Amino acid sequence: MSGAKGPTLLFIAGSLLLVPGLACATGAAQAVSAPPVGQAGGQPAQADQEGAPSPPLTPAEPVLKEAPPLPEIPVLNEEDARAEATRLNSAFRHEVPVALKVSSAQKAAWIALAKEQIQQASFPLDRPQVVLVVDRNPAVQRMCLMLALPGQSDWQVIGSTKVSTGTTGRKFYYITPTGVFINTADILGYRALGTKNENGIMGNGTKGMRVWDFGWQWAEKGWLPVPREKGQIRLEMHATDPVYLESRLGHVASEGCIRIPSSLNVFIDKHGLIDVEDEQMAVIDNRFRALLRPDRVATPLAGSAVIVVDSASRPDLAQVTISENKPPARHPAQQTHS
């Protein structure tokens, strides 16, 4: 499964219009209407509820009478790409305190799984770029940021943290689907308001946290027995409540979205790791300019893809990712009793 295609630009009577698309899985049996939107500032009415969609994109007024051409996407050679990935790795270790180490065996397993999804989705990996690989295996629950290199097997790790994906056994909780999901400029995305729900939880994290919206996607209904019926969810990636939920990352917990640490949220946002299309549109559309951080330093390795894999589906790889994801056993003398 792949995310939506890129935006379509039409030139009509000298004006530039952005024609939005709905990031929805193909083969839908019936149309699914989006929840209501319309709060001030273009935010969804339930912006801090997990899975609340972005406001629909309508054709924007041109910033200029004759809009400038979209900037070209940077294409680095392998040497420069690896040097930039090394710089990002150094920044990751300083800016993301919850970073985890990645063994060579884990790296190889995630690359193999990611390449399978890329092939199935026919995703055009045509330049060195950052991809975010999420392993939804309940025994793993990790994200690994990687420099993906076309035609190369030796991708480069930038950093890794715990995450939480969709859980089972709770009504209306879906299993996060596998596939390649694109942060397309057809969907604007939004930022958390920092408000709390009736349980005192900030569903998308503190105010200003970025919410990446991948549109409507098919997902298994986690509360049903196997084989599970599928339904559509608004697949998003976002932070979570820093007090009550962030410490629980590393376990399945969400309604289907991808929950990430707040420091990772800021890192991806600040370096524009999957904002390559949004950066282009910011040149001609003030809405994208307003969404992106004013202090960002976008990497020339910026991509658009989040790749969800499941190492549990591959017994030959699952044992590697599971065994190496477990914390080291404590010496008996160090164990405590509750």
Protein backbone atom coordinates (compact mmCIF):
# COMPACT_ATOMS: atom_id res chain seq x y z
CA MET A 1 0.00 0.00 0.00
CA SER A 2 1.33 3.38 -0.80
CA GLY A 3 0.36 6.91 0.09
CA ALA A 4 -1.16 9.49 -2.23
CA LYS A 5 0.61 10.71 -5.33
CA GLY A 6 2.16 14.17 -5.51
CA PRO A 7 0.12 17.35 -6.12
CA THR A 8 -1.14 18.31 -9.54
CA LEU A 9 -0.39 21.82 -10.76
CA LEU A 10 -2.70 23.43 -13.31
CA PHE A 11 -2.04 26.69 -15.08
CA ILE A 12 -5.35 28.30 -16.02
CA ALA A 13 -5.52 31.84 -17.41
CA GLY A 14 -2.17 32.66 -15.88
CA SER A 15 -3.11 31.38 -12.40
CA LEU A 16 -1.62 28.43 -10.59
CA LEU A 17 -4.03 26.08 -8.81
CA LEU A 18 -3.25 23.18 -6.51
CA VAL A 19 -5.63 20.29 -7.09
CA PRO A 20 -5.74 18.19 -3.92
CA GLY A 21 -6.10 14.45 -3.87
CA LEU A 22 -7.53 12.18 -1.18
CA ALA A 23 -4.90 9.80 0.19
CA CYS A 24 -7.17 6.77 0.23
CA ALA A 25 -6.40 3.14 -0.42
CA THR A 26 -7.66 1.85 -3.76
CA GLY A 27 -10.49 -0.61 -4.02
CA ALA A 28 -12.73 1.04 -1.45
CA ALA A 29 -16.14 -0.57 -1.29
CA GLN A 30 -17.80 2.73 -0.39
CA ALA A 31 -16.84 6.33 0.13
CA VAL A 32 -15.77 7.32 3.62
CA SER A 33 -16.53 10.87 4.68
CA ALA A 34 -14.03 12.78 6.77
CA PRO A 35 -14.92 14.00 10.27
CA PRO A 36 -16.04 17.65 10.42
CA VAL A 37 -13.47 20.38 10.31
CA GLY A 38 -13.64 24.10 10.63
CA GLN A 39 -12.08 25.51 13.76
CA ALA A 40 -10.30 28.87 13.69
CA GLY A 41 -6.83 28.88 12.21
CA GLY A 42 -7.60 26.05 9.79
CA GLN A 43 -7.27 23.39 12.49
CA PRO A 44 -9.56 20.34 12.54
CA ALA A 45 -12.43 20.56 15.00
CA GLN A 46 -10.84 17.72 16.97
CA ALA A 47 -7.22 18.54 16.26
CA ASP A 48 -5.89 16.93 19.42
CA GLN A 49 -7.79 13.69 18.98
CA GLU A 50 -5.72 10.88 17.51
CA GLY A 51 -6.58 10.38 13.86
CA ALA A 52 -8.39 13.70 13.37
CA PRO A 53 -7.79 14.65 9.72
CA SER A 54 -6.22 17.79 8.39
CA PRO A 55 -8.48 20.51 6.96
CA PRO A 56 -9.27 19.85 3.29
CA LEU A 57 -7.06 21.67 0.81
CA THR A 58 -8.98 23.95 -1.51
CA PRO A 59 -7.37 25.74 -4.46
CA ALA A 60 -5.23 28.52 -3.06
CA GLU A 61 -4.96 32.05 -4.32
CA PRO A 62 -1.64 32.44 -6.12
CA VAL A 63 1.03 34.11 -4.02
CA LEU A 64 2.10 36.04 -7.15
CA LYS A 65 0.33 36.80 -10.43
CA GLU A 66 2.92 34.62 -12.07
CA ALA A 67 3.98 31.99 -9.58
CA PRO A 68 7.69 31.10 -9.60
CA PRO A 69 8.68 27.61 -10.67
CA LEU A 70 8.92 25.01 -7.95
CA PRO A 71 12.50 24.62 -6.71
CA GLU A 72 14.34 21.54 -7.89
CA ILE A 73 14.75 18.72 -5.40
CA PRO A 74 18.42 18.34 -4.37
CA VAL A 75 20.16 15.21 -5.59
CA LEU A 76 23.40 14.40 -3.77
CA ASN A 77 26.01 11.94 -4.91
CA GLU A 78 26.70 9.00 -2.60
CA GLU A 79 29.73 10.57 -0.93
CA ASP A 80 27.93 13.82 -0.11
CA ALA A 81 24.79 11.94 0.92
CA ARG A 82 26.70 9.81 3.42
CA ALA A 83 28.45 12.90 4.79
CA GLU A 84 25.08 14.60 5.31
CA ALA A 85 23.67 11.46 6.96
CA THR A 86 26.65 11.44 9.32
CA ARG A 87 25.91 15.08 10.20
CA LEU A 88 22.27 14.20 10.87
CA ASN A 89 23.36 11.26 13.03
CA SER A 90 25.48 13.58 15.16
CA ALA A 91 22.57 16.01 15.48
CA PHE A 92 20.23 13.11 16.36
CA ARG A 93 22.44 12.02 19.25
CA HIS A 94 22.43 15.56 20.65
CA GLU A 95 18.76 16.41 20.03
CA VAL A 96 16.97 13.12 20.74
CA PRO A 97 17.83 11.94 24.27
CA VAL A 98 15.72 8.76 23.92
CA ALA A 99 17.86 7.45 21.04
CA LEU A 100 18.55 3.72 20.92
CA LYS A 101 21.44 1.81 19.38
CA VAL A 102 20.91 -0.23 16.22
CA SER A 103 22.93 -3.40 15.72
CA SER A 104 24.18 -4.47 12.31
CA ALA A 105 21.73 -7.39 12.38
CA GLN A 106 18.76 -5.12 13.14
CA LYS A 107 19.85 -2.72 10.42
CA ALA A 108 20.07 -5.50 7.82
CA ALA A 109 16.66 -6.87 8.82
CA TRP A 110 14.92 -3.48 8.56
CA ILE A 111 16.56 -2.70 5.22
CA ALA A 112 15.39 -6.03 3.79
CA LEU A 113 11.83 -5.48 5.04
CA ALA A 114 11.74 -1.87 3.83
CA LYS A 115 12.93 -2.87 0.37
CA GLU A 116 10.12 -5.43 0.16
CA GLN A 117 7.54 -2.73 0.88
CA ILE A 118 9.17 -0.31 -1.57
CA GLN A 119 9.00 -2.95 -4.31
CA GLN A 120 5.37 -3.83 -3.56
CA ALA A 121 4.36 -0.17 -3.58
CA SER A 122 6.43 0.67 -6.70
CA PHE A 123 7.81 3.61 -4.76
CA PRO A 124 10.32 5.53 -6.90
CA LEU A 125 13.51 5.51 -4.84
CA ASP A 126 15.34 7.61 -7.43
CA ARG A 127 17.68 9.69 -5.26
CA PRO A 128 19.48 9.39 -1.90
CA GLN A 129 16.93 10.35 0.75
CA VAL A 130 15.81 9.83 4.32
CA VAL A 131 13.14 7.20 4.96
CA LEU A 132 11.49 6.43 8.30
CA VAL A 133 11.18 2.67 8.85
CA VAL A 134 8.65 1.60 11.51
CA ASP A 135 8.59 -2.00 12.75
CA ARG A 136 5.06 -2.65 14.03
CA ASN A 137 5.99 -6.07 15.46
CA PRO A 138 4.48 -5.94 18.99
CA ALA A 139 7.75 -7.33 20.38
CA VAL A 140 9.79 -4.58 18.69
CA GLN A 141 7.89 -1.27 18.24
CA ARG A 142 10.81 0.73 16.88
CA MET A 143 11.45 3.42 14.30
CA CYS A 144 14.73 3.67 12.45
CA LEU A 145 15.67 6.76 10.44
CA MET A 146 17.81 5.73 7.48
CA LEU A 147 19.57 7.16 4.45
CA ALA A 148 18.16 5.06 1.60
CA LEU A 149 20.44 4.77 -1.41
CA PRO A 150 19.08 3.62 -4.80
CA GLY A 151 20.57 0.32 -5.88
CA GLN A 152 22.55 -0.04 -2.65
CA SER A 153 22.16 -2.55 0.15
CA ASP A 154 24.28 -0.61 2.65
CA TRP A 155 21.86 2.06 3.82
CA GLN A 156 23.04 4.33 6.64
CA VAL A 157 21.38 4.59 10.04
CA ILE A 158 20.68 8.10 11.31
CA GLY A 159 18.92 7.18 14.55
CA SER A 160 16.30 5.02 16.24
CA THR A 161 13.72 5.32 19.03
CA LYS A 162 10.79 3.44 20.52
CA VAL A 163 7.34 4.10 19.05
CA SER A 164 3.80 2.81 19.54
CA THR A 165 1.53 1.54 16.78
CA GLY A 166 -2.04 0.22 16.75
CA THR A 167 -3.12 -2.27 19.35
CA THR A 168 -5.61 -5.13 19.48
CA GLY A 169 -8.41 -6.06 21.82
CA ARG A 170 -9.95 -2.59 22.22
CA LYS A 171 -13.06 -1.48 20.33
CA PHE A 172 -12.32 0.88 17.45
CA TYR A 173 -8.56 0.34 17.73
CA TYR A 174 -6.95 -0.65 14.44
CA ILE A 175 -3.69 -2.40 13.59
CA THR A 176 -1.35 0.05 11.86
CA PRO A 177 -1.12 -1.09 8.23
CA THR A 178 2.15 -1.98 6.55
CA GLY A 179 3.22 -0.18 3.39
CA VAL A 180 4.86 2.97 2.07
CA PHE A 181 3.02 6.09 3.17
CA ILE A 182 3.81 9.46 1.64
CA ASN A 183 3.78 12.91 3.22
CA THR A 184 2.19 14.39 0.13
CA ALA A 185 1.51 18.07 -0.49
CA ASP A 186 -2.06 17.06 -1.35
CA ILE A 187 -2.63 17.03 2.44
CA LEU A 188 -1.40 19.98 4.48
CA GLY A 189 -1.08 18.38 7.93
CA TYR A 190 -1.33 20.49 11.07
CA ARG A 191 0.06 21.19 14.53
CA ALA A 192 -1.27 20.08 17.90
CA LEU A 193 -3.23 22.58 19.96
CA GLY A 194 -2.06 21.04 23.24
CA THR A 195 -5.60 20.67 24.58
CA LYS A 196 -6.64 17.75 26.79
CA ASN A 197 -9.49 15.30 26.32
CA GLU A 198 -11.97 14.25 28.99
CA ASN A 199 -9.30 12.00 30.52
CA GLY A 200 -6.73 14.79 30.78
CA ILE A 201 -4.66 13.41 27.89
CA MET A 202 -3.06 15.48 25.12
CA GLY A 203 -3.70 13.13 22.21
CA ASN A 204 -1.16 14.70 19.85
CA GLY A 205 1.30 15.97 22.44
CA THR A 206 2.04 19.50 23.57
CA LYS A 207 1.09 22.62 21.63
CA GLY A 208 3.00 23.02 18.39
CA MET A 209 3.91 19.35 17.90
CA ARG A 210 3.74 18.40 14.24
CA VAL A 211 1.09 15.99 12.93
CA TRP A 212 1.94 14.30 9.62
CA ASP A 213 -1.24 13.15 7.87
CA PHE A 214 -1.05 10.27 5.38
CA GLY A 215 -4.75 10.24 4.54
CA TRP A 216 -7.35 7.48 4.71
CA GLN A 217 -5.83 3.99 4.71
CA TRP A 218 -7.19 0.48 5.07
CA ALA A 219 -6.36 -1.22 8.37
CA GLU A 220 -7.39 -4.36 10.23
CA LYS A 221 -9.94 -3.95 13.00
CA GLY A 222 -7.88 -4.94 16.01
CA TRP A 223 -10.85 -5.83 18.21
CA LEU A 224 -12.05 -8.62 15.88
CA PRO A 225 -10.79 -12.21 15.75
CA VAL A 226 -8.47 -13.39 12.96
CA PRO A 227 -9.04 -13.17 10.00
CA ARG A 228 -9.90 -9.55 10.71
CA GLU A 229 -12.20 -7.37 8.66
CA LYS A 230 -10.66 -4.11 7.43
CA GLY A 231 -11.87 -0.55 7.72
CA GLN A 232 -10.42 2.86 6.97
CA ILE A 233 -8.50 5.01 9.41
CA ARG A 234 -6.86 8.40 9.16
CA LEU A 235 -3.23 7.32 9.37
CA GLU A 236 -1.05 9.93 11.07
CA MET A 237 2.29 10.19 12.82
CA HIS A 238 2.43 12.42 15.88
CA ALA A 239 3.73 12.93 19.41
CA THR A 240 1.77 11.82 22.47
CA ASP A 241 1.07 13.00 25.99
CA PRO A 242 4.50 13.66 27.56
CA VAL A 243 3.37 12.91 31.11
CA TYR A 244 1.10 9.89 30.82
CA LEU A 245 1.88 8.16 27.53
CA GLU A 246 5.38 8.93 26.27
CA SER A 247 7.00 6.67 28.88
CA ARG A 248 4.89 3.80 27.49
CA LEU A 249 6.30 4.02 23.99
CA GLY A 250 7.72 0.69 22.87
CA HIS A 251 4.38 -1.08 23.33
CA VAL A 252 1.37 -1.28 21.01
CA ALA A 253 -1.10 1.32 22.26
CA SER A 254 -2.51 3.60 19.56
CA GLU A 255 -5.80 3.59 17.68
CA GLY A 256 -3.81 2.93 14.51
CA CYS A 257 -1.58 5.99 14.23
CA ILE A 258 2.19 6.05 14.80
CA ARG A 259 3.08 7.66 18.15
CA ILE A 260 6.62 9.00 18.48
CA PRO A 261 8.63 10.76 21.21
CA SER A 262 8.31 14.55 21.34
CA SER A 263 12.06 15.03 20.84
CA LEU A 264 11.91 12.89 17.69
CA ASN A 265 8.88 14.86 16.50
CA VAL A 266 10.88 18.10 16.79
CA PHE A 267 13.93 16.53 15.12
CA ILE A 268 12.00 15.32 12.07
CA ASP A 269 10.20 18.68 11.87
CA LYS A 270 13.28 20.85 12.37
CA HIS A 271 15.35 19.05 9.74
CA GLY A 272 12.45 18.58 7.31
CA LEU A 273 13.20 14.88 6.97
CA ILE A 274 9.98 13.96 5.11
CA ASP A 275 8.92 17.44 3.99
CA VAL A 276 10.38 17.51 0.48
CA GLU A 277 6.98 18.22 -1.15
CA ASP A 278 5.91 20.70 1.54
CA GLU A 279 9.15 22.65 1.06
CA GLN A 280 8.42 22.97 -2.65
CA MET A 281 4.86 24.16 -2.08
CA ALA A 282 5.96 26.70 0.55
CA VAL A 283 7.45 28.73 -2.31
CA ILE A 284 4.04 29.34 -3.88
CA ASP A 285 1.51 28.68 -1.09
CA ASN A 286 1.50 30.59 2.22
CA ARG A 287 -0.36 27.78 3.99
CA PHE A 288 2.64 25.46 3.66
CA ARG A 289 4.97 28.29 4.62
CA ALA A 290 2.95 28.81 7.79
CA LEU A 291 2.98 25.09 8.64
CA LEU A 292 6.75 24.62 8.42
CA ARG A 293 8.99 25.75 11.27
CA PRO A 294 10.54 29.20 10.69
CA ASP A 295 13.81 27.98 12.27
CA ARG A 296 14.05 24.80 10.21
CA VAL A 297 17.20 23.82 8.36
CA ALA A 298 15.90 21.42 5.73
CA THR A 299 18.32 18.68 4.83
CA PRO A 300 19.09 18.07 1.14
CA LEU A 301 18.32 14.43 1.93
CA ALA A 302 14.67 15.27 2.69
CA GLY A 303 12.27 12.59 1.47
CA SER A 304 8.58 11.89 1.95
CA ALA A 305 8.20 8.23 2.93
CA VAL A 306 7.30 6.43 6.14
CA ILE A 307 7.67 2.68 5.61
CA VAL A 308 5.78 0.43 8.03
CA VAL A 309 7.11 -3.14 8.20
CA ASP A 310 6.39 -6.15 10.40
CA SER A 311 9.33 -8.35 11.32
CA ALA A 312 6.89 -10.84 12.85
CA SER A 313 5.89 -11.78 9.30
CA ARG A 314 9.43 -12.99 8.60
CA PRO A 315 10.56 -15.67 11.08
CA ASP A 316 14.11 -15.45 9.76
CA LEU A 317 14.25 -11.74 10.63
CA ALA A 318 11.86 -11.61 13.59
CA GLN A 319 14.22 -13.44 15.92
CA VAL A 320 16.97 -10.91 15.20
CA THR A 321 14.86 -7.84 15.86
CA ILE A 322 13.14 -9.32 18.92
CA SER A 323 16.22 -10.70 20.65
CA GLU A 324 18.23 -7.55 20.09
CA ASN A 325 15.37 -5.33 21.21
CA LYS A 326 15.23 -6.88 24.68
CA PRO A 327 17.02 -5.05 27.50
CA PRO A 328 20.06 -6.86 28.88
CA ALA A 329 19.36 -9.18 31.79
CA ARG A 330 20.42 -7.90 35.18
CA HIS A 331 22.85 -9.75 37.40
CA PRO A 332 21.01 -11.57 40.23
CA ALA A 333 22.76 -9.36 42.79
CA GLN A 334 21.25 -6.28 41.08
CA GLN A 335 17.68 -7.53 40.98
CA THR A 336 15.15 -5.96 43.29
CA HIS A 337 11.95 -7.37 44.70
CA SER A 338 8.59 -5.60 44.65
